[in-house]
Amino acid sequence: MLDSFSVIGVLFPEAGGEAVSMPAALSLPFAPLRLLLLVAWVYLCLYCVLQVQFGLLVPEKYKTLANIVSLVAGPIVLLSLVIVETARKSRSSRSPFFDLLKQQLRHAVAGLRAMRAAGEQDDAALHLLDSSGRTMDEIYGHGQGKREEARILDLTESIVADALERRASDILIDPTSESTYSIRLRIDGVLRNAQELDAQTCQAVVNSIKAVAGMDISERRRPQDGAFMARQGDRTASFRIASSGTLHGEKLSIRVLNRNAATQTLTDLGLTDKQNGIIQQTLRRPSGMILICGPTGSGKTTTMYAMLNAIDRLTRNVITVEDPIEAMLPQTSQIEINPKAEITFANTLRSVLRQDPNVICVGEIRDEETAEIALRAAQTGHLVLATLHCDSNASAIARLMDLGVSRLLLSLGLNLILSQRLLRCLCPRCRRPAALSDTQIAEFKRKRIDCSGIYEAGRCRHCDGTGYVGRTAISDILIVDEEVKARIAAGESFGATAQGDGNREGRIHLRKQGLKKVVAGVTSLEELKRVVG
């Protein structure tokens, strides 16, 4: 059994001779416990410096001195300040001293946890940027006395982050009454209620968005346009804003530009192999116009980018004129429209024709001048891709005629017209076999269609309870061959055709394409009826 002198010799080698005979592995050049205490003390001092600098315990004029003292004796200084502040509050509110002290300690622990969580989530946090790359913190500034502004900015960023996480294409902020605003998200083409805010808070959110978008905060009645960006880690997203005054307040419509448009291919769109082959063959032609038609939100721009991705941009000079530029395409000259600087579609197209282009992309045909310049370019050795807002292929021809384009110009310039719609895809995790009626089953049997693969929407967390995730395209393609060119040049009544047989024939083609996707289990009969009718 070791005596007390042997124990002292082991712990303190200089005090006894027994330590000389102990193995060298047991002797350390430092005391581990003391080192851990020192590291803990340093971290506590740094934490105390943060509390002194950004807290309200120390007046502003004494903060420099308090920071220096806290670096050496941080916990002692902080504890003293907390006790003094607690005693002052106890006297003023006549509350028990120890109850207030416990509350202060709980707040300190919660602050430590929040700092740790903020450090872990900093890379995943979303930051809003203006056109010059400044964050909202740099625009507004954070500091003492601005806690409410910081809360509003955090709420604004959380609204945008939620929209991106849920794959929203639009964010609508609408005043529903004088005291309430609603925030809705358009996800897969359908609006969903996200949350409701009181008017005062939401108006502050609107002002934050307008500030980062470079808009006039004081103007709430006149319509305005703006743009901003969001950065999350190494990813960025772009947004376009339109504001207008309404009965109960100011309304904001925020369009989330498609971040994946630059990587889309024709195969990704959901086109059939036959349609894909027709488009690929037309894209290889040196001249002519490919017109992409459809209502707002039908994926026209995404299809146009997919066509550009199918073109060899290394050997062909590709120039786009867009409003706005939704995605960056390599080996492509992209020009953005700016009416305030007199950069319009028509003016830009004239200058583009002097830049030796092989392929010209027109974001949207809006007027006669743009349509005429684009169609003339299609006749002079340029391949032109353009979009047009209309319902069907027949109504596209009628719309161009209504803009004042001559029939001869139309017949010589057009190569292909494509009209499309987007159908929501069934969620693969919760879709279930459709409960078809006897009449529906008999109709499918009469048409010799196997209805065993038809599904309907379910509900699960993956699809946010909607039954649908993502969208696919259905298209109706009109090849402008010699027969169609002759009909256009002869001036046949395309206006009446568009309103009658042409639109009906286009819907039939779209319905057939959609029915194939229903039978394949991609979408549902309800979704096909909602989109096509």
Protein backbone atom coordinates (compact mmCIF):
# COMPACT_ATOMS: atom_id res chain seq x y z
CA MET A 1 0.00 0.00 0.00
CA LEU A 2 1.43 3.42 -1.04
CA ASP A 3 2.11 5.95 1.67
CA SER A 4 1.33 9.62 1.38
CA PHE A 5 4.89 10.54 0.39
CA SER A 6 4.75 8.14 -2.59
CA VAL A 7 1.53 9.73 -3.83
CA ILE A 8 3.02 13.19 -3.52
CA GLY A 9 6.05 11.99 -5.46
CA VAL A 10 3.95 10.73 -8.33
CA LEU A 11 1.89 13.94 -8.64
CA PHE A 12 4.78 16.32 -8.11
CA PRO A 13 8.10 14.85 -9.34
CA GLU A 14 10.16 17.57 -7.78
CA ALA A 15 8.80 16.80 -4.31
CA GLY A 16 9.79 13.13 -3.90
CA GLY A 17 12.25 10.59 -5.22
CA GLU A 18 9.69 7.91 -5.94
CA ALA A 19 8.72 9.69 -9.17
CA VAL A 20 12.10 9.03 -10.72
CA SER A 21 11.31 5.33 -10.93
CA MET A 22 7.91 5.86 -12.64
CA PRO A 23 7.68 5.22 -16.40
CA ALA A 24 8.39 8.24 -18.58
CA ALA A 25 5.02 7.83 -20.31
CA LEU A 26 3.20 8.99 -17.17
CA SER A 27 5.01 12.34 -17.00
CA LEU A 28 3.40 15.08 -19.12
CA PRO A 29 4.80 18.55 -19.86
CA PHE A 30 1.38 20.10 -18.98
CA ALA A 31 -1.64 19.45 -16.82
CA PRO A 32 -4.60 18.46 -19.09
CA LEU A 33 -7.21 19.76 -16.67
CA ARG A 34 -5.53 23.14 -16.47
CA LEU A 35 -5.32 23.33 -20.29
CA LEU A 36 -9.04 22.57 -20.65
CA LEU A 37 -9.88 25.20 -18.08
CA LEU A 38 -7.71 27.73 -19.93
CA VAL A 39 -9.40 27.01 -23.29
CA ALA A 40 -12.83 27.25 -21.68
CA TRP A 41 -11.85 30.55 -20.04
CA VAL A 42 -10.71 31.99 -23.43
CA TYR A 43 -13.98 31.05 -25.09
CA LEU A 44 -15.98 32.51 -22.23
CA CYS A 45 -14.02 35.75 -22.52
CA LEU A 46 -14.71 35.96 -26.26
CA TYR A 47 -18.40 35.30 -25.68
CA CYS A 48 -18.48 38.00 -23.02
CA VAL A 49 -16.89 40.46 -25.45
CA LEU A 50 -19.71 39.77 -27.92
CA GLN A 51 -22.33 40.27 -25.23
CA VAL A 52 -20.73 43.54 -24.13
CA GLN A 53 -20.33 44.84 -27.70
CA PHE A 54 -23.80 44.02 -29.04
CA GLY A 55 -25.77 43.96 -25.79
CA LEU A 56 -27.43 46.73 -23.83
CA LEU A 57 -25.67 46.15 -20.48
CA VAL A 58 -22.90 48.70 -21.11
CA PRO A 59 -23.40 52.30 -22.33
CA GLU A 60 -21.92 53.06 -25.74
CA LYS A 61 -19.14 55.33 -24.41
CA TYR A 62 -17.80 52.64 -22.04
CA LYS A 63 -17.88 49.72 -24.50
CA THR A 64 -14.23 50.00 -25.60
CA LEU A 65 -12.95 49.81 -22.02
CA ALA A 66 -15.41 47.04 -21.17
CA ASN A 67 -14.23 44.99 -24.16
CA ILE A 68 -10.58 45.25 -23.07
CA VAL A 69 -11.43 44.18 -19.52
CA SER A 70 -13.64 41.37 -20.79
CA LEU A 71 -10.78 39.85 -22.80
CA VAL A 72 -8.98 39.17 -19.50
CA ALA A 73 -11.76 38.72 -16.98
CA GLY A 74 -14.76 38.24 -19.21
CA PRO A 75 -17.00 35.94 -17.14
CA ILE A 76 -16.41 37.96 -13.96
CA VAL A 77 -17.24 41.23 -15.76
CA LEU A 78 -20.30 39.77 -17.42
CA LEU A 79 -21.57 38.21 -14.19
CA SER A 80 -21.12 41.53 -12.39
CA LEU A 81 -22.99 43.39 -15.14
CA VAL A 82 -25.81 40.83 -15.12
CA ILE A 83 -26.15 41.07 -11.32
CA VAL A 84 -26.21 44.87 -11.42
CA GLU A 85 -28.75 44.90 -14.26
CA THR A 86 -30.90 42.30 -12.49
CA ALA A 87 -30.81 44.29 -9.25
CA ARG A 88 -31.84 47.44 -11.12
CA LYS A 89 -34.75 45.65 -12.82
CA SER A 90 -35.77 44.08 -9.51
CA ARG A 91 -35.99 47.48 -7.85
CA SER A 92 -37.89 49.07 -10.72
CA SER A 93 -40.37 46.23 -11.26
CA ARG A 94 -40.48 45.01 -7.65
CA SER A 95 -39.96 41.45 -8.83
CA PRO A 96 -37.96 38.84 -6.90
CA PHE A 97 -34.23 39.19 -7.57
CA PHE A 98 -33.49 35.48 -7.99
CA ASP A 99 -36.41 34.95 -10.40
CA LEU A 100 -35.06 37.68 -12.66
CA LEU A 101 -31.55 36.21 -12.36
CA LYS A 102 -32.78 32.79 -13.47
CA GLN A 103 -34.54 34.43 -16.43
CA GLN A 104 -31.33 36.23 -17.44
CA LEU A 105 -29.36 32.97 -17.29
CA ARG A 106 -31.98 31.21 -19.44
CA HIS A 107 -31.67 33.99 -22.04
CA ALA A 108 -27.89 33.57 -22.03
CA VAL A 109 -28.16 29.82 -22.65
CA ALA A 110 -30.69 30.42 -25.45
CA GLY A 111 -28.30 32.94 -27.00
CA LEU A 112 -25.47 30.39 -26.99
CA ARG A 113 -27.68 27.84 -28.73
CA ALA A 114 -28.81 30.41 -31.31
CA MET A 115 -25.21 31.38 -32.06
CA ARG A 116 -24.29 27.73 -32.55
CA ALA A 117 -27.28 27.11 -34.83
CA ALA A 118 -26.52 30.27 -36.82
CA GLY A 119 -22.95 29.13 -37.33
CA GLU A 120 -24.08 25.73 -38.60
CA GLN A 121 -26.72 27.20 -40.95
CA ASP A 122 -24.74 30.17 -42.27
CA ASP A 123 -23.78 28.39 -45.48
CA ALA A 124 -27.39 27.33 -46.07
CA ALA A 125 -28.85 30.77 -45.29
CA LEU A 126 -30.42 32.76 -48.11
CA HIS A 127 -29.34 36.36 -48.74
CA LEU A 128 -31.13 38.84 -50.99
CA LEU A 129 -28.98 40.98 -53.29
CA ASP A 130 -29.72 44.05 -55.35
CA SER A 131 -28.52 44.54 -58.93
CA SER A 132 -25.09 45.72 -57.71
CA GLY A 133 -24.58 42.70 -55.45
CA ARG A 134 -25.25 44.41 -52.09
CA THR A 135 -27.06 42.42 -49.41
CA MET A 136 -30.07 43.74 -47.53
CA ASP A 137 -27.89 44.14 -44.42
CA GLU A 138 -25.63 46.49 -46.37
CA ILE A 139 -28.60 48.45 -47.72
CA TYR A 140 -30.36 48.85 -44.37
CA GLY A 141 -27.55 48.27 -41.86
CA HIS A 142 -27.90 46.34 -38.61
CA GLY A 143 -27.00 47.73 -35.25
CA GLN A 144 -28.32 48.94 -31.91
CA GLY A 145 -31.91 50.10 -32.00
CA LYS A 146 -32.76 48.26 -35.26
CA ARG A 147 -34.11 44.99 -33.96
CA GLU A 148 -37.49 45.49 -35.66
CA GLU A 149 -35.81 46.13 -39.02
CA ALA A 150 -33.72 42.98 -38.57
CA ARG A 151 -36.87 40.98 -37.83
CA ILE A 152 -38.56 42.28 -40.99
CA LEU A 153 -35.51 41.46 -43.11
CA ASP A 154 -35.36 37.95 -41.67
CA LEU A 155 -39.08 37.50 -42.42
CA THR A 156 -38.57 38.72 -46.00
CA GLU A 157 -35.70 36.30 -46.59
CA SER A 158 -37.68 33.42 -45.07
CA ILE A 159 -40.61 34.11 -47.47
CA VAL A 160 -38.30 33.99 -50.49
CA ALA A 161 -36.43 30.94 -49.17
CA ASP A 162 -39.73 29.08 -48.64
CA ALA A 163 -40.80 29.88 -52.21
CA LEU A 164 -37.53 28.52 -53.62
CA GLU A 165 -37.69 25.41 -51.46
CA ARG A 166 -41.23 24.67 -52.63
CA ARG A 167 -40.30 25.21 -56.33
CA ALA A 168 -42.61 28.21 -56.75
CA SER A 169 -42.62 30.09 -60.05
CA ASP A 170 -44.41 33.18 -58.67
CA ILE A 171 -44.86 34.90 -55.31
CA LEU A 172 -48.00 37.01 -54.97
CA ILE A 173 -48.38 39.44 -52.06
CA ASP A 174 -51.96 40.75 -52.08
CA PRO A 175 -53.85 42.99 -49.65
CA THR A 176 -57.09 41.15 -48.88
CA SER A 177 -58.40 43.85 -46.53
CA GLU A 178 -57.19 46.99 -44.81
CA SER A 179 -55.71 44.90 -41.99
CA THR A 180 -54.56 41.68 -43.70
CA TYR A 181 -52.24 40.64 -46.52
CA SER A 182 -52.07 37.18 -48.07
CA ILE A 183 -48.95 35.56 -49.53
CA ARG A 184 -49.58 32.98 -52.23
CA LEU A 185 -47.18 30.78 -54.19
CA ARG A 186 -47.74 29.45 -57.69
CA ILE A 187 -46.37 25.91 -57.60
CA ASP A 188 -46.61 23.73 -60.72
CA GLY A 189 -48.98 26.29 -62.23
CA VAL A 190 -51.47 26.31 -59.34
CA LEU A 191 -51.75 29.01 -56.65
CA ARG A 192 -51.48 27.92 -53.02
CA ASN A 193 -51.92 30.00 -49.88
CA ALA A 194 -48.64 30.26 -47.99
CA GLN A 195 -49.46 32.55 -45.05
CA GLU A 196 -51.28 35.67 -43.94
CA LEU A 197 -49.68 38.71 -42.31
CA ASP A 198 -51.03 41.84 -40.71
CA ALA A 199 -50.95 44.93 -42.90
CA GLN A 200 -48.25 46.78 -40.98
CA THR A 201 -45.79 43.86 -41.01
CA CYS A 202 -46.46 42.96 -44.64
CA GLN A 203 -46.11 46.55 -45.80
CA ALA A 204 -42.66 46.56 -44.19
CA VAL A 205 -41.88 43.33 -46.08
CA VAL A 206 -43.06 44.95 -49.33
CA ASN A 207 -40.82 47.96 -48.67
CA SER A 208 -37.85 45.65 -48.05
CA ILE A 209 -38.39 43.87 -51.36
CA LYS A 210 -38.86 47.15 -53.23
CA ALA A 211 -35.67 48.54 -51.67
CA VAL A 212 -33.54 45.58 -52.74
CA ALA A 213 -35.16 45.69 -56.20
CA GLY A 214 -34.25 49.36 -56.70
CA MET A 215 -37.84 50.62 -56.67
CA ASP A 216 -39.29 53.79 -55.15
CA ILE A 217 -40.57 52.93 -51.66
CA SER A 218 -42.60 56.14 -51.32
CA GLU A 219 -44.62 55.46 -54.51
CA ARG A 220 -47.45 53.00 -53.78
CA ARG A 221 -50.01 53.78 -56.46
CA ARG A 222 -48.07 54.02 -59.72
CA PRO A 223 -47.03 50.65 -61.25
CA GLN A 224 -43.32 49.91 -60.98
CA ASP A 225 -40.93 47.20 -62.16
CA GLY A 226 -37.76 45.94 -60.53
CA ALA A 227 -35.40 43.00 -60.14
CA PHE A 228 -33.24 41.40 -57.48
CA MET A 229 -31.26 38.22 -56.83
CA ALA A 230 -30.93 35.69 -54.02
CA ARG A 231 -27.81 33.76 -53.04
CA GLN A 232 -27.87 30.50 -51.09
CA GLY A 233 -24.47 28.90 -50.74
CA ASP A 234 -23.03 28.64 -54.24
CA ARG A 235 -26.44 28.91 -55.95
CA THR A 236 -28.18 32.06 -57.14
CA ALA A 237 -31.73 32.82 -58.27
CA SER A 238 -33.11 35.84 -60.11
CA PHE A 239 -36.45 37.56 -59.58
CA ARG A 240 -38.57 40.11 -61.47
CA ILE A 241 -41.08 42.29 -59.62
CA ALA A 242 -44.16 44.21 -60.71
CA SER A 243 -46.06 46.40 -58.24
CA SER A 244 -49.39 48.18 -58.48
CA GLY A 245 -51.80 50.00 -56.21
CA THR A 246 -55.08 48.26 -55.34
CA LEU A 247 -58.16 49.09 -53.27
CA HIS A 248 -56.70 47.99 -49.91
CA GLY A 249 -53.00 48.63 -50.50
CA GLU A 250 -50.02 47.79 -52.68
CA LYS A 251 -49.76 44.47 -54.52
CA LEU A 252 -46.51 42.73 -55.48
CA SER A 253 -46.06 40.04 -58.12
CA ILE A 254 -42.65 38.37 -58.01
CA ARG A 255 -41.64 36.07 -60.87
CA VAL A 256 -38.97 33.47 -60.03
CA LEU A 257 -36.90 33.05 -63.18
CA ASN A 258 -36.25 29.45 -64.20
CA ARG A 259 -32.80 28.54 -62.89
CA ASN A 260 -32.71 25.20 -64.74
CA ALA A 261 -33.63 26.53 -68.18
CA ALA A 262 -30.01 26.58 -69.37
CA THR A 263 -29.64 22.83 -68.79
CA GLN A 264 -32.98 21.68 -70.24
CA THR A 265 -32.98 19.49 -73.35
CA LEU A 266 -35.79 18.56 -75.71
CA THR A 267 -35.87 15.09 -74.18
CA ASP A 268 -36.46 16.56 -70.72
CA LEU A 269 -39.59 18.40 -71.87
CA GLY A 270 -41.68 15.27 -72.35
CA LEU A 271 -42.04 15.50 -76.14
CA THR A 272 -42.65 12.35 -78.12
CA ASP A 273 -39.86 10.84 -80.22
CA LYS A 274 -41.66 11.89 -83.42
CA GLN A 275 -42.03 15.49 -82.24
CA ASN A 276 -38.42 15.56 -81.07
CA GLY A 277 -37.26 14.36 -84.50
CA ILE A 278 -39.32 17.01 -86.31
CA ILE A 279 -37.89 19.81 -84.16
CA GLN A 280 -34.32 18.53 -84.51
CA GLN A 281 -34.70 18.38 -88.30
CA THR A 282 -36.10 21.94 -88.43
CA LEU A 283 -33.30 23.26 -86.21
CA ARG A 284 -30.72 21.95 -88.70
CA ARG A 285 -32.18 24.14 -91.46
CA PRO A 286 -30.18 27.33 -92.14
CA SER A 287 -33.17 29.69 -92.26
CA GLY A 288 -36.83 30.05 -91.40
CA MET A 289 -38.84 30.76 -88.25
CA ILE A 290 -39.84 28.37 -85.47
CA LEU A 291 -42.75 29.88 -83.53
CA ILE A 292 -43.54 28.66 -80.01
CA CYS A 293 -47.09 29.44 -78.86
CA GLY A 294 -49.08 29.11 -75.68
CA PRO A 295 -50.68 31.11 -72.85
CA THR A 296 -48.74 32.64 -69.98
CA GLY A 297 -46.99 29.98 -67.88
CA SER A 298 -47.07 27.25 -70.53
CA GLY A 299 -43.27 26.84 -70.67
CA LYS A 300 -42.54 28.65 -73.92
CA THR A 301 -39.23 30.12 -72.74
CA THR A 302 -38.06 26.77 -71.36
CA THR A 303 -38.81 25.11 -74.72
CA MET A 304 -36.95 27.88 -76.53
CA TYR A 305 -33.88 27.35 -74.33
CA ALA A 306 -34.07 23.59 -74.94
CA MET A 307 -34.03 24.28 -78.70
CA LEU A 308 -30.99 26.53 -78.27
CA ASN A 309 -29.27 23.74 -76.34
CA ALA A 310 -29.87 21.44 -79.33
CA ILE A 311 -27.96 23.84 -81.62
CA ASP A 312 -24.19 23.62 -82.01
CA ARG A 313 -23.34 27.05 -80.67
CA LEU A 314 -19.62 26.64 -81.33
CA THR A 315 -20.08 26.61 -85.10
CA ARG A 316 -23.12 28.92 -85.30
CA ASN A 317 -23.34 32.51 -84.09
CA VAL A 318 -26.35 32.60 -81.73
CA ILE A 319 -27.77 35.94 -80.52
CA THR A 320 -30.79 36.22 -78.23
CA VAL A 321 -33.00 39.24 -77.49
CA GLU A 322 -34.92 38.64 -74.25
CA ASP A 323 -37.00 40.39 -71.64
CA PRO A 324 -35.65 39.35 -69.19
CA ILE A 325 -32.69 36.99 -69.58
CA GLU A 326 -33.76 33.96 -67.55
CA ALA A 327 -30.59 31.84 -67.79
CA MET A 328 -27.02 32.20 -68.95
CA LEU A 329 -26.15 30.21 -72.07
CA PRO A 330 -22.47 29.62 -72.92
CA GLN A 331 -21.22 30.60 -76.40
CA THR A 332 -24.30 32.82 -76.80
CA SER A 333 -24.67 36.60 -77.07
CA GLN A 334 -27.64 37.50 -74.89
CA ILE A 335 -29.18 40.99 -75.02
CA GLU A 336 -31.73 42.21 -72.48
CA ILE A 337 -34.51 44.62 -73.39
CA ASN A 338 -34.56 47.96 -71.56
CA PRO A 339 -37.33 50.29 -72.79
CA LYS A 340 -36.11 53.12 -70.53
CA ALA A 341 -32.83 53.14 -72.47
CA GLU A 342 -34.74 52.73 -75.78
CA ILE A 343 -33.47 49.15 -76.15
CA THR A 344 -36.59 47.55 -77.60
CA PHE A 345 -37.10 44.31 -79.52
CA ALA A 346 -37.38 46.11 -82.85
CA ASN A 347 -34.36 48.38 -82.32
CA THR A 348 -32.21 45.53 -81.07
CA LEU A 349 -33.19 43.21 -83.92
CA ARG A 350 -32.06 45.80 -86.46
CA SER A 351 -28.61 45.99 -84.88
CA VAL A 352 -28.42 42.21 -84.44
CA LEU A 353 -28.85 41.70 -88.18
CA ARG A 354 -25.56 43.60 -88.69
CA GLN A 355 -23.66 41.23 -86.36
CA ASP A 356 -23.48 38.24 -88.73
CA PRO A 357 -25.84 35.96 -86.78
CA ASN A 358 -26.75 32.41 -87.79
CA VAL A 359 -29.47 31.96 -85.18
CA ILE A 360 -31.62 34.76 -83.73
CA CYS A 361 -33.81 34.19 -80.69
CA VAL A 362 -36.66 36.65 -80.05
CA GLY A 363 -38.01 36.40 -76.51
CA GLU A 364 -41.51 37.52 -77.47
CA ILE A 365 -43.25 38.99 -80.51
CA ARG A 366 -45.38 41.85 -79.19
CA ASP A 367 -45.92 44.22 -82.11
CA GLU A 368 -46.01 44.45 -85.88
CA GLU A 369 -42.52 45.90 -86.20
CA THR A 370 -40.87 43.07 -84.25
CA ALA A 371 -42.84 40.43 -86.15
CA GLU A 372 -41.97 41.91 -89.52
CA ILE A 373 -38.24 42.24 -88.79
CA ALA A 374 -38.08 38.69 -87.42
CA LEU A 375 -39.90 37.20 -90.42
CA ARG A 376 -37.73 39.12 -92.88
CA ALA A 377 -34.64 37.84 -91.06
CA ALA A 378 -36.01 34.30 -91.44
CA GLN A 379 -36.08 34.83 -95.23
CA THR A 380 -32.53 36.17 -95.51
CA GLY A 381 -30.55 33.18 -94.28
CA HIS A 382 -31.19 33.30 -90.53
CA LEU A 383 -32.81 30.70 -88.31
CA VAL A 384 -35.23 32.58 -86.02
CA LEU A 385 -36.77 31.24 -82.79
CA ALA A 386 -39.62 33.28 -81.32
CA THR A 387 -42.49 32.99 -78.84
CA LEU A 388 -46.03 34.31 -79.16
CA HIS A 389 -48.94 34.46 -76.70
CA CYS A 390 -51.89 32.64 -78.26
CA ASP A 391 -53.97 29.48 -77.83
CA SER A 392 -53.19 27.30 -80.84
CA ASN A 393 -51.25 27.03 -84.09
CA ALA A 394 -54.14 28.37 -86.14
CA SER A 395 -54.65 31.33 -83.81
CA ALA A 396 -50.90 32.10 -84.08
CA ILE A 397 -51.27 32.71 -87.80
CA ALA A 398 -54.40 34.78 -87.19
CA ARG A 399 -52.60 36.78 -84.48
CA LEU A 400 -49.69 37.62 -86.79
CA MET A 401 -52.12 38.69 -89.50
CA ASP A 402 -53.96 40.82 -86.96
CA LEU A 403 -50.65 42.53 -86.09
CA GLY A 404 -50.48 43.64 -89.72
CA VAL A 405 -47.92 41.19 -91.12
CA SER A 406 -48.53 40.48 -94.80
CA ARG A 407 -49.68 37.02 -95.87
CA LEU A 408 -46.78 36.69 -98.33
CA LEU A 409 -44.26 37.43 -95.58
CA LEU A 410 -45.88 34.83 -93.34
CA SER A 411 -45.94 32.13 -96.01
CA LEU A 412 -42.27 32.65 -96.88
CA GLY A 413 -40.90 32.99 -93.34
CA LEU A 414 -42.62 30.33 -91.24
CA ASN A 415 -41.17 26.81 -90.97
CA LEU A 416 -42.74 25.34 -87.85
CA ILE A 417 -45.37 26.34 -85.26
CA LEU A 418 -45.49 24.61 -81.91
CA SER A 419 -48.19 25.22 -79.31
CA GLN A 420 -47.91 23.61 -75.90
CA ARG A 421 -49.37 23.22 -72.42
CA LEU A 422 -47.94 21.95 -69.13
CA LEU A 423 -49.51 19.10 -67.17
CA ARG A 424 -48.67 18.35 -63.56
CA CYS A 425 -47.04 14.96 -62.98
CA LEU A 426 -48.49 12.59 -60.39
CA CYS A 427 -46.46 12.12 -57.24
CA PRO A 428 -44.81 8.69 -57.57
CA ARG A 429 -45.02 8.10 -53.81
CA CYS A 430 -48.75 8.54 -53.25
CA ARG A 431 -50.44 8.02 -56.63
CA ARG A 432 -53.09 5.31 -56.61
CA PRO A 433 -55.15 3.46 -59.25
CA ALA A 434 -57.95 5.68 -60.52
CA ALA A 435 -61.53 4.88 -59.55
CA LEU A 436 -63.07 5.01 -63.02
CA SER A 437 -66.80 4.96 -63.62
CA ASP A 438 -68.47 2.28 -65.72
CA THR A 439 -69.03 4.82 -68.49
CA GLN A 440 -65.33 5.75 -68.57
CA ILE A 441 -64.25 2.10 -68.62
CA ALA A 442 -66.67 1.35 -71.47
CA GLU A 443 -65.36 4.37 -73.43
CA PHE A 444 -61.75 3.25 -73.02
CA LYS A 445 -62.65 -0.30 -74.11
CA ARG A 446 -64.48 1.05 -77.16
CA LYS A 447 -61.31 2.93 -78.15
CA ARG A 448 -59.19 -0.16 -77.33
CA ILE A 449 -57.24 1.68 -74.65
CA ASP A 450 -55.85 -0.24 -71.69
CA CYS A 451 -57.01 1.68 -68.61
CA SER A 452 -55.17 -0.46 -66.05
CA GLY A 453 -52.28 2.04 -65.91
CA ILE A 454 -54.44 5.09 -65.14
CA TYR A 455 -53.77 6.66 -61.74
CA GLU A 456 -55.20 9.50 -59.69
CA ALA A 457 -53.64 11.87 -57.17
CA GLY A 458 -53.12 10.95 -53.52
CA ARG A 459 -51.74 12.95 -50.63
CA CYS A 460 -48.36 12.76 -48.92
CA ARG A 461 -45.69 14.99 -47.39
CA HIS A 462 -43.44 14.67 -50.42
CA CYS A 463 -45.96 16.46 -52.66
CA ASP A 464 -47.16 18.85 -49.93
CA GLY A 465 -50.55 17.16 -49.94
CA THR A 466 -51.36 18.03 -53.57
CA GLY A 467 -50.65 14.70 -55.26
CA TYR A 468 -48.45 16.26 -57.95
CA VAL A 469 -44.71 16.96 -58.28
CA GLY A 470 -43.23 18.63 -61.37
CA ARG A 471 -44.72 19.16 -64.82
CA THR A 472 -44.44 17.75 -68.32
CA ALA A 473 -45.27 19.30 -71.69
CA ILE A 474 -47.80 18.28 -74.32
CA SER A 475 -47.40 19.86 -77.73
CA ASP A 476 -49.20 20.28 -81.04
CA ILE A 477 -46.82 20.78 -83.98
CA LEU A 478 -47.78 22.31 -87.32
CA ILE A 479 -45.24 21.88 -90.11
CA VAL A 480 -45.64 24.83 -92.48
CA ASP A 481 -45.25 22.87 -95.71
CA GLU A 482 -46.08 23.99 -99.24
CA GLU A 483 -49.79 23.33 -98.79
CA VAL A 484 -50.01 25.46 -95.64
CA LYS A 485 -47.88 28.19 -97.27
CA ALA A 486 -50.26 28.25 -100.23
CA ARG A 487 -53.28 28.57 -97.93
CA ILE A 488 -51.67 31.46 -96.04
CA ALA A 489 -50.63 33.25 -99.23
CA ALA A 490 -54.10 32.78 -100.74
CA GLY A 491 -55.60 34.60 -97.77
CA GLU A 492 -57.91 31.87 -96.55
CA SER A 493 -59.94 32.87 -93.51
CA PHE A 494 -57.49 31.93 -90.78
CA GLY A 495 -59.22 34.32 -88.42
CA ALA A 496 -62.43 32.29 -88.52
CA THR A 497 -60.44 29.06 -88.57
CA ALA A 498 -58.59 30.06 -85.43
CA GLN A 499 -61.83 30.75 -83.58
CA GLY A 500 -63.53 27.59 -84.82
CA ASP A 501 -62.08 24.49 -86.43
CA GLY A 502 -58.43 25.51 -85.90
CA ASN A 503 -58.67 25.92 -82.14
CA ARG A 504 -60.83 22.82 -81.82
CA GLU A 505 -58.40 20.76 -83.89
CA GLY A 506 -55.49 22.04 -81.77
CA ARG A 507 -57.26 21.04 -78.54
CA ILE A 508 -57.93 17.59 -79.97
CA HIS A 509 -54.23 17.09 -80.72
CA LEU A 510 -53.26 18.31 -77.25
CA ARG A 511 -55.88 16.08 -75.66
CA LYS A 512 -54.52 13.05 -77.53
CA GLN A 513 -50.99 13.79 -76.36
CA GLY A 514 -52.24 14.27 -72.82
CA LEU A 515 -54.28 11.07 -72.89
CA LYS A 516 -51.14 9.10 -73.76
CA LYS A 517 -49.51 10.45 -70.60
CA VAL A 518 -52.62 9.59 -68.58
CA VAL A 519 -52.57 5.98 -69.81
CA ALA A 520 -48.84 5.80 -69.03
CA GLY A 521 -49.53 6.90 -65.43
CA VAL A 522 -47.66 10.19 -65.76
CA THR A 523 -50.65 12.43 -65.00
CA SER A 524 -54.35 12.11 -64.19
CA LEU A 525 -57.60 12.56 -66.08
CA GLU A 526 -58.54 15.42 -63.74
CA GLU A 527 -55.33 17.29 -64.57
CA LEU A 528 -55.83 16.77 -68.32
CA LYS A 529 -59.37 18.12 -68.07
CA ARG A 530 -58.19 21.13 -66.03
CA VAL A 531 -55.54 22.14 -68.57
CA VAL A 532 -57.02 21.17 -71.95
CA GLY A 533 -60.73 21.02 -71.16
